[in-house]
Amino acid sequence: MIFLILFHYKGNALKKVALVEANLKGIILRFNEVAEYIFGWKEVEIVGQSINKLMPESVQAKHDEYLSNYQKV
């Protein structure tokens, strides 16, 4: 299973969608141009990294716990 996370960005009067695709282990598989703009990472830098890199440190550990519990279901 793969998660697709969409973020809407309204810039220059156009609605754009940032796409972040990650697998069940939380590893980023795809990251489009709008996601690059919003998060400040280039696709070549972030693909293969944990999705936690996009989160504040205060929620990273909880997210790892959530993914671990989800995989057990």
PDB file of N, CA and C in Angstrom:
ATOM      1  N   MET A   1       0.842  -1.183   0.000  1.00  0.00           N
ATOM      2  CA  MET A   1       0.000   0.000   0.000  1.00  0.00           C
ATOM      3  C   MET A   1       0.883   1.241   0.000  1.00  0.00           C
ATOM      4  N   ILE A   2       0.423   2.266  -0.674  1.00  0.00           N
ATOM      5  CA  ILE A   2       1.153   3.529  -0.774  1.00  0.00           C
ATOM      6  C   ILE A   2       0.221   4.648  -0.350  1.00  0.00           C
ATOM      7  N   PHE A   3       0.747   5.593   0.394  1.00  0.00           N
ATOM      8  CA  PHE A   3      -0.015   6.764   0.795  1.00  0.00           C
ATOM      9  C   PHE A   3       0.281   7.914  -0.155  1.00  0.00           C
ATOM     10  N   LEU A   4      -0.729   8.610  -0.562  1.00  0.00           N
ATOM     11  CA  LEU A   4      -0.565   9.843  -1.318  1.00  0.00           C
ATOM     12  C   LEU A   4      -1.047  10.977  -0.440  1.00  0.00           C
ATOM     13  N   ILE A   5      -0.217  11.950  -0.242  1.00  0.00           N
ATOM     14  CA  ILE A   5      -0.553  13.078   0.618  1.00  0.00           C
ATOM     15  C   ILE A   5      -0.600  14.316  -0.262  1.00  0.00           C
ATOM     16  N   LEU A   6      -1.724  14.966  -0.297  1.00  0.00           N
ATOM     17  CA  LEU A   6      -1.893  16.127  -1.160  1.00  0.00           C
ATOM     18  C   LEU A   6      -2.024  17.389  -0.324  1.00  0.00           C
ATOM     19  N   PHE A   7      -1.346  18.424  -0.753  1.00  0.00           N
ATOM     20  CA  PHE A   7      -1.418  19.731  -0.113  1.00  0.00           C
ATOM     21  C   PHE A   7      -1.827  20.729  -1.180  1.00  0.00           C
ATOM     22  N   HIS A   8      -2.776  21.574  -0.876  1.00  0.00           N
ATOM     23  CA  HIS A   8      -3.205  22.606  -1.829  1.00  0.00           C
ATOM     24  C   HIS A   8      -2.446  23.889  -1.546  1.00  0.00           C
ATOM     25  N   TYR A   9      -1.959  24.487  -2.614  1.00  0.00           N
ATOM     26  CA  TYR A   9      -1.229  25.744  -2.511  1.00  0.00           C
ATOM     27  C   TYR A   9      -1.837  26.712  -3.505  1.00  0.00           C
ATOM     28  N   LYS A  10      -2.242  27.860  -3.019  1.00  0.00           N
ATOM     29  CA  LYS A  10      -2.833  28.848  -3.910  1.00  0.00           C
ATOM     30  C   LYS A  10      -1.835  29.982  -4.080  1.00  0.00           C
ATOM     31  N   GLY A  11      -1.148  29.952  -5.191  1.00  0.00           N
ATOM     32  CA  GLY A  11      -0.159  30.981  -5.483  1.00  0.00           C
ATOM     33  C   GLY A  11      -0.396  31.517  -6.878  1.00  0.00           C
ATOM     34  N   ASN A  12      -0.195  32.795  -7.049  1.00  0.00           N
ATOM     35  CA  ASN A  12      -0.416  33.430  -8.354  1.00  0.00           C
ATOM     36  C   ASN A  12      -1.824  33.148  -8.887  1.00  0.00           C
ATOM     37  N   ALA A  13      -2.795  33.100  -7.985  1.00  0.00           N
ATOM     38  CA  ALA A  13      -4.204  32.887  -8.317  1.00  0.00           C
ATOM     39  C   ALA A  13      -4.469  31.529  -8.945  1.00  0.00           C
ATOM     40  N   LEU A  14      -3.506  30.623  -8.896  1.00  0.00           N
ATOM     41  CA  LEU A  14      -3.717  29.272  -9.403  1.00  0.00           C
ATOM     42  C   LEU A  14      -3.667  28.308  -8.233  1.00  0.00           C
ATOM     43  N   LYS A  15      -4.540  27.351  -8.251  1.00  0.00           N
ATOM     44  CA  LYS A  15      -4.529  26.346  -7.198  1.00  0.00           C
ATOM     45  C   LYS A  15      -3.634  25.204  -7.673  1.00  0.00           C
ATOM     46  N   LYS A  16      -2.607  24.938  -6.920  1.00  0.00           N
ATOM     47  CA  LYS A  16      -1.661  23.887  -7.270  1.00  0.00           C
ATOM     48  C   LYS A  16      -1.707  22.822  -6.188  1.00  0.00           C
ATOM     49  N   VAL A  17      -1.327  21.617  -6.543  1.00  0.00           N
ATOM     50  CA  VAL A  17      -1.361  20.512  -5.596  1.00  0.00           C
ATOM     51  C   VAL A  17       0.042  19.946  -5.426  1.00  0.00           C
ATOM     52  N   ALA A  18       0.470  19.888  -4.191  1.00  0.00           N
ATOM     53  CA  ALA A  18       1.738  19.237  -3.867  1.00  0.00           C
ATOM     54  C   ALA A  18       1.457  17.760  -3.640  1.00  0.00           C
ATOM     55  N   LEU A  19       2.267  16.922  -4.227  1.00  0.00           N
ATOM     56  CA  LEU A  19       2.104  15.484  -4.095  1.00  0.00           C
ATOM     57  C   LEU A  19       3.314  14.900  -3.381  1.00  0.00           C
ATOM     58  N   VAL A  20       3.035  14.219  -2.289  1.00  0.00           N
ATOM     59  CA  VAL A  20       4.070  13.474  -1.569  1.00  0.00           C
ATOM     60  C   VAL A  20       3.574  12.039  -1.504  1.00  0.00           C
ATOM     61  N   GLU A  21       4.310  11.132  -2.090  1.00  0.00           N
ATOM     62  CA  GLU A  21       3.930   9.721  -2.096  1.00  0.00           C
ATOM     63  C   GLU A  21       4.901   8.964  -1.197  1.00  0.00           C
ATOM     64  N   ALA A  22       4.354   8.179  -0.275  1.00  0.00           N
ATOM     65  CA  ALA A  22       5.199   7.415   0.651  1.00  0.00           C
ATOM     66  C   ALA A  22       4.651   6.001   0.800  1.00  0.00           C
ATOM     67  N   ASN A  23       5.534   5.069   1.125  1.00  0.00           N
ATOM     68  CA  ASN A  23       5.090   3.689   1.346  1.00  0.00           C
ATOM     69  C   ASN A  23       4.697   3.497   2.810  1.00  0.00           C
ATOM     70  N   LEU A  24       4.326   2.277   3.156  1.00  0.00           N
ATOM     71  CA  LEU A  24       3.856   1.996   4.523  1.00  0.00           C
ATOM     72  C   LEU A  24       4.931   2.155   5.588  1.00  0.00           C
ATOM     73  N   LYS A  25       6.179   2.154   5.177  1.00  0.00           N
ATOM     74  CA  LYS A  25       7.263   2.363   6.137  1.00  0.00           C
ATOM     75  C   LYS A  25       7.575   3.841   6.312  1.00  0.00           C
ATOM     76  N   GLY A  26       6.841   4.701   5.583  1.00  0.00           N
ATOM     77  CA  GLY A  26       7.040   6.127   5.711  1.00  0.00           C
ATOM     78  C   GLY A  26       8.194   6.654   4.869  1.00  0.00           C
ATOM     79  N   ILE A  27       8.597   5.892   3.866  1.00  0.00           N
ATOM     80  CA  ILE A  27       9.686   6.305   2.976  1.00  0.00           C
ATOM     81  C   ILE A  27       9.084   7.029   1.773  1.00  0.00           C
ATOM     82  N   ILE A  28       9.610   8.207   1.490  1.00  0.00           N
ATOM     83  CA  ILE A  28       9.093   9.021   0.387  1.00  0.00           C
ATOM     84  C   ILE A  28       9.523   8.418  -0.943  1.00  0.00           C
ATOM     85  N   LEU A  29       8.530   8.231  -1.821  1.00  0.00           N
ATOM     86  CA  LEU A  29       8.767   7.649  -3.131  1.00  0.00           C
ATOM     87  C   LEU A  29       8.693   8.678  -4.259  1.00  0.00           C
ATOM     88  N   ARG A  30       7.873   9.697  -4.051  1.00  0.00           N
ATOM     89  CA  ARG A  30       7.696  10.721  -5.087  1.00  0.00           C
ATOM     90  C   ARG A  30       7.398  12.051  -4.419  1.00  0.00           C
ATOM     91  N   PHE A  31       7.845  13.127  -5.063  1.00  0.00           N
ATOM     92  CA  PHE A  31       7.759  14.461  -4.470  1.00  0.00           C
ATOM     93  C   PHE A  31       7.755  15.444  -5.633  1.00  0.00           C
ATOM     94  N   ASN A  32       6.642  16.122  -5.864  1.00  0.00           N
ATOM     95  CA  ASN A  32       6.563  16.972  -7.059  1.00  0.00           C
ATOM     96  C   ASN A  32       7.072  18.395  -6.822  1.00  0.00           C
ATOM     97  N   GLU A  33       7.039  19.216  -7.871  1.00  0.00           N
ATOM     98  CA  GLU A  33       7.570  20.582  -7.817  1.00  0.00           C
ATOM     99  C   GLU A  33       6.898  21.456  -6.760  1.00  0.00           C
ATOM    100  N   VAL A  34       5.598  21.316  -6.609  1.00  0.00           N
ATOM    101  CA  VAL A  34       4.888  22.130  -5.621  1.00  0.00           C
ATOM    102  C   VAL A  34       5.304  21.714  -4.210  1.00  0.00           C
ATOM    103  N   ALA A  35       5.491  20.423  -3.997  1.00  0.00           N
ATOM    104  CA  ALA A  35       5.989  19.947  -2.702  1.00  0.00           C
ATOM    105  C   ALA A  35       7.388  20.509  -2.441  1.00  0.00           C
ATOM    106  N   GLU A  36       8.209  20.568  -3.489  1.00  0.00           N
ATOM    107  CA  GLU A  36       9.540  21.168  -3.342  1.00  0.00           C
ATOM    108  C   GLU A  36       9.418  22.603  -2.849  1.00  0.00           C
ATOM    109  N   TYR A  37       8.506  23.348  -3.428  1.00  0.00           N
ATOM    110  CA  TYR A  37       8.309  24.746  -3.067  1.00  0.00           C
ATOM    111  C   TYR A  37       7.824  24.888  -1.621  1.00  0.00           C
ATOM    112  N   ILE A  38       6.842  24.083  -1.241  1.00  0.00           N
ATOM    113  CA  ILE A  38       6.244  24.182   0.093  1.00  0.00           C
ATOM    114  C   ILE A  38       7.231  23.755   1.188  1.00  0.00           C
ATOM    115  N   PHE A  39       7.918  22.639   0.978  1.00  0.00           N
ATOM    116  CA  PHE A  39       8.761  22.076   2.032  1.00  0.00           C
ATOM    117  C   PHE A  39      10.235  22.479   1.950  1.00  0.00           C
ATOM    118  N   GLY A  40      10.654  23.008   0.804  1.00  0.00           N
ATOM    119  CA  GLY A  40      12.029  23.458   0.669  1.00  0.00           C
ATOM    120  C   GLY A  40      13.045  22.363   0.392  1.00  0.00           C
ATOM    121  N   TRP A  41      12.583  21.193   0.018  1.00  0.00           N
ATOM    122  CA  TRP A  41      13.461  20.083  -0.343  1.00  0.00           C
ATOM    123  C   TRP A  41      13.340  19.827  -1.837  1.00  0.00           C
ATOM    124  N   LYS A  42      14.409  19.468  -2.488  1.00  0.00           N
ATOM    125  CA  LYS A  42      14.382  19.013  -3.881  1.00  0.00           C
ATOM    126  C   LYS A  42      14.041  17.528  -3.889  1.00  0.00           C
ATOM    127  N   GLU A  43      13.369  17.089  -4.954  1.00  0.00           N
ATOM    128  CA  GLU A  43      12.984  15.676  -5.043  1.00  0.00           C
ATOM    129  C   GLU A  43      14.199  14.754  -4.895  1.00  0.00           C
ATOM    130  N   VAL A  44      15.302  15.100  -5.525  1.00  0.00           N
ATOM    131  CA  VAL A  44      16.493  14.242  -5.459  1.00  0.00           C
ATOM    132  C   VAL A  44      17.065  14.158  -4.043  1.00  0.00           C
ATOM    133  N   GLU A  45      16.772  15.130  -3.197  1.00  0.00           N
ATOM    134  CA  GLU A  45      17.261  15.133  -1.820  1.00  0.00           C
ATOM    135  C   GLU A  45      16.370  14.323  -0.888  1.00  0.00           C
ATOM    136  N   ILE A  46      15.065  14.317  -1.152  1.00  0.00           N
ATOM    137  CA  ILE A  46      14.108  13.779  -0.178  1.00  0.00           C
ATOM    138  C   ILE A  46      13.606  12.370  -0.515  1.00  0.00           C
ATOM    139  N   VAL A  47      13.572  11.991  -1.793  1.00  0.00           N
ATOM    140  CA  VAL A  47      13.107  10.642  -2.149  1.00  0.00           C
ATOM    141  C   VAL A  47      14.055   9.625  -1.521  1.00  0.00           C
ATOM    142  N   GLY A  48      13.461   8.621  -0.869  1.00  0.00           N
ATOM    143  CA  GLY A  48      14.227   7.605  -0.154  1.00  0.00           C
ATOM    144  C   GLY A  48      14.411   7.932   1.319  1.00  0.00           C
ATOM    145  N   GLN A  49      14.018   9.130   1.725  1.00  0.00           N
ATOM    146  CA  GLN A  49      14.121   9.560   3.117  1.00  0.00           C
ATOM    147  C   GLN A  49      12.787   9.330   3.833  1.00  0.00           C
ATOM    148  N   SER A  50      12.832   9.382   5.141  1.00  0.00           N
ATOM    149  CA  SER A  50      11.621   9.238   5.946  1.00  0.00           C
ATOM    150  C   SER A  50      10.731  10.470   5.793  1.00  0.00           C
ATOM    151  N   ILE A  51       9.448  10.225   5.753  1.00  0.00           N
ATOM    152  CA  ILE A  51       8.480  11.328   5.672  1.00  0.00           C
ATOM    153  C   ILE A  51       8.557  12.215   6.919  1.00  0.00           C
ATOM    154  N   ASN A  52       9.157  11.697   7.973  1.00  0.00           N
ATOM    155  CA  ASN A  52       9.346  12.480   9.194  1.00  0.00           C
ATOM    156  C   ASN A  52      10.127  13.766   8.953  1.00  0.00           C
ATOM    157  N   LYS A  53      10.961  13.783   7.935  1.00  0.00           N
ATOM    158  CA  LYS A  53      11.742  14.985   7.629  1.00  0.00           C
ATOM    159  C   LYS A  53      10.849  16.172   7.304  1.00  0.00           C
ATOM    160  N   LEU A  54       9.588  15.909   6.976  1.00  0.00           N
ATOM    161  CA  LEU A  54       8.650  16.978   6.636  1.00  0.00           C
ATOM    162  C   LEU A  54       7.841  17.439   7.844  1.00  0.00           C
ATOM    163  N   MET A  55       8.064  16.806   8.989  1.00  0.00           N
ATOM    164  CA  MET A  55       7.274  17.093  10.194  1.00  0.00           C
ATOM    165  C   MET A  55       8.104  17.807  11.237  1.00  0.00           C
ATOM    166  N   PRO A  56       7.443  18.551  12.110  1.00  0.00           N
ATOM    167  CA  PRO A  56       8.168  19.121  13.254  1.00  0.00           C
ATOM    168  C   PRO A  56       8.706  17.991  14.142  1.00  0.00           C
ATOM    169  N   GLU A  57       9.845  18.221  14.763  1.00  0.00           N
ATOM    170  CA  GLU A  57      10.447  17.201  15.627  1.00  0.00           C
ATOM    171  C   GLU A  57       9.500  16.731  16.716  1.00  0.00           C
ATOM    172  N   SER A  58       8.627  17.610  17.149  1.00  0.00           N
ATOM    173  CA  SER A  58       7.715  17.279  18.253  1.00  0.00           C
ATOM    174  C   SER A  58       6.727  16.169  17.909  1.00  0.00           C
ATOM    175  N   VAL A  59       6.501  15.872  16.648  1.00  0.00           N
ATOM    176  CA  VAL A  59       5.550  14.822  16.266  1.00  0.00           C
ATOM    177  C   VAL A  59       6.202  13.634  15.557  1.00  0.00           C
ATOM    178  N   GLN A  60       7.496  13.706  15.303  1.00  0.00           N
ATOM    179  CA  GLN A  60       8.161  12.639  14.565  1.00  0.00           C
ATOM    180  C   GLN A  60       8.072  11.281  15.258  1.00  0.00           C
ATOM    181  N   ALA A  61       8.324  11.233  16.549  1.00  0.00           N
ATOM    182  CA  ALA A  61       8.292   9.968  17.291  1.00  0.00           C
ATOM    183  C   ALA A  61       6.886   9.379  17.310  1.00  0.00           C
ATOM    184  N   LYS A  62       5.891  10.228  17.499  1.00  0.00           N
ATOM    185  CA  LYS A  62       4.499   9.749  17.497  1.00  0.00           C
ATOM    186  C   LYS A  62       4.138   9.178  16.131  1.00  0.00           C
ATOM    187  N   HIS A  63       4.629   9.802  15.076  1.00  0.00           N
ATOM    188  CA  HIS A  63       4.329   9.314  13.734  1.00  0.00           C
ATOM    189  C   HIS A  63       4.955   7.939  13.510  1.00  0.00           C
ATOM    190  N   ASP A  64       6.188   7.734  13.974  1.00  0.00           N
ATOM    191  CA  ASP A  64       6.824   6.417  13.866  1.00  0.00           C
ATOM    192  C   ASP A  64       6.000   5.360  14.600  1.00  0.00           C
ATOM    193  N   GLU A  65       5.511   5.716  15.779  1.00  0.00           N
ATOM    194  CA  GLU A  65       4.668   4.806  16.564  1.00  0.00           C
ATOM    195  C   GLU A  65       3.371   4.490  15.815  1.00  0.00           C
ATOM    196  N   TYR A  66       2.770   5.507  15.218  1.00  0.00           N
ATOM    197  CA  TYR A  66       1.535   5.318  14.447  1.00  0.00           C
ATOM    198  C   TYR A  66       1.771   4.348  13.287  1.00  0.00           C
ATOM    199  N   LEU A  67       2.854   4.554  12.533  1.00  0.00           N
ATOM    200  CA  LEU A  67       3.144   3.671  11.403  1.00  0.00           C
ATOM    201  C   LEU A  67       3.374   2.237  11.869  1.00  0.00           C
ATOM    202  N   SER A  68       4.075   2.086  12.964  1.00  0.00           N
ATOM    203  CA  SER A  68       4.350   0.752  13.513  1.00  0.00           C
ATOM    204  C   SER A  68       3.049   0.051  13.894  1.00  0.00           C
ATOM    205  N   ASN A  69       2.166   0.767  14.576  1.00  0.00           N
ATOM    206  CA  ASN A  69       0.868   0.195  14.969  1.00  0.00           C
ATOM    207  C   ASN A  69       0.004  -0.110  13.756  1.00  0.00           C
ATOM    208  N   TYR A  70       0.034   0.736  12.745  1.00  0.00           N
ATOM    209  CA  TYR A  70      -0.775   0.527  11.539  1.00  0.00           C
ATOM    210  C   TYR A  70      -0.332  -0.746  10.818  1.00  0.00           C
ATOM    211  N   GLN A  71       0.957  -0.987  10.774  1.00  0.00           N
ATOM    212  CA  GLN A  71       1.471  -2.176  10.083  1.00  0.00           C
ATOM    213  C   GLN A  71       1.087  -3.469  10.785  1.00  0.00           C
ATOM    214  N   LYS A  72       0.793  -3.393  12.067  1.00  0.00           N
ATOM    215  CA  LYS A  72       0.395  -4.581  12.844  1.00  0.00           C
ATOM    216  C   LYS A  72      -1.043  -4.987  12.567  1.00  0.00           C
ATOM    217  N   VAL A  73      -1.849  -4.070  12.039  1.00  0.00           N
ATOM    218  CA  VAL A  73      -3.288  -4.340  11.830  1.00  0.00           C
ATOM    219  C   VAL A  73      -3.491  -5.236  10.648  1.00  0.00           C
TER     220      VAL A  73
END
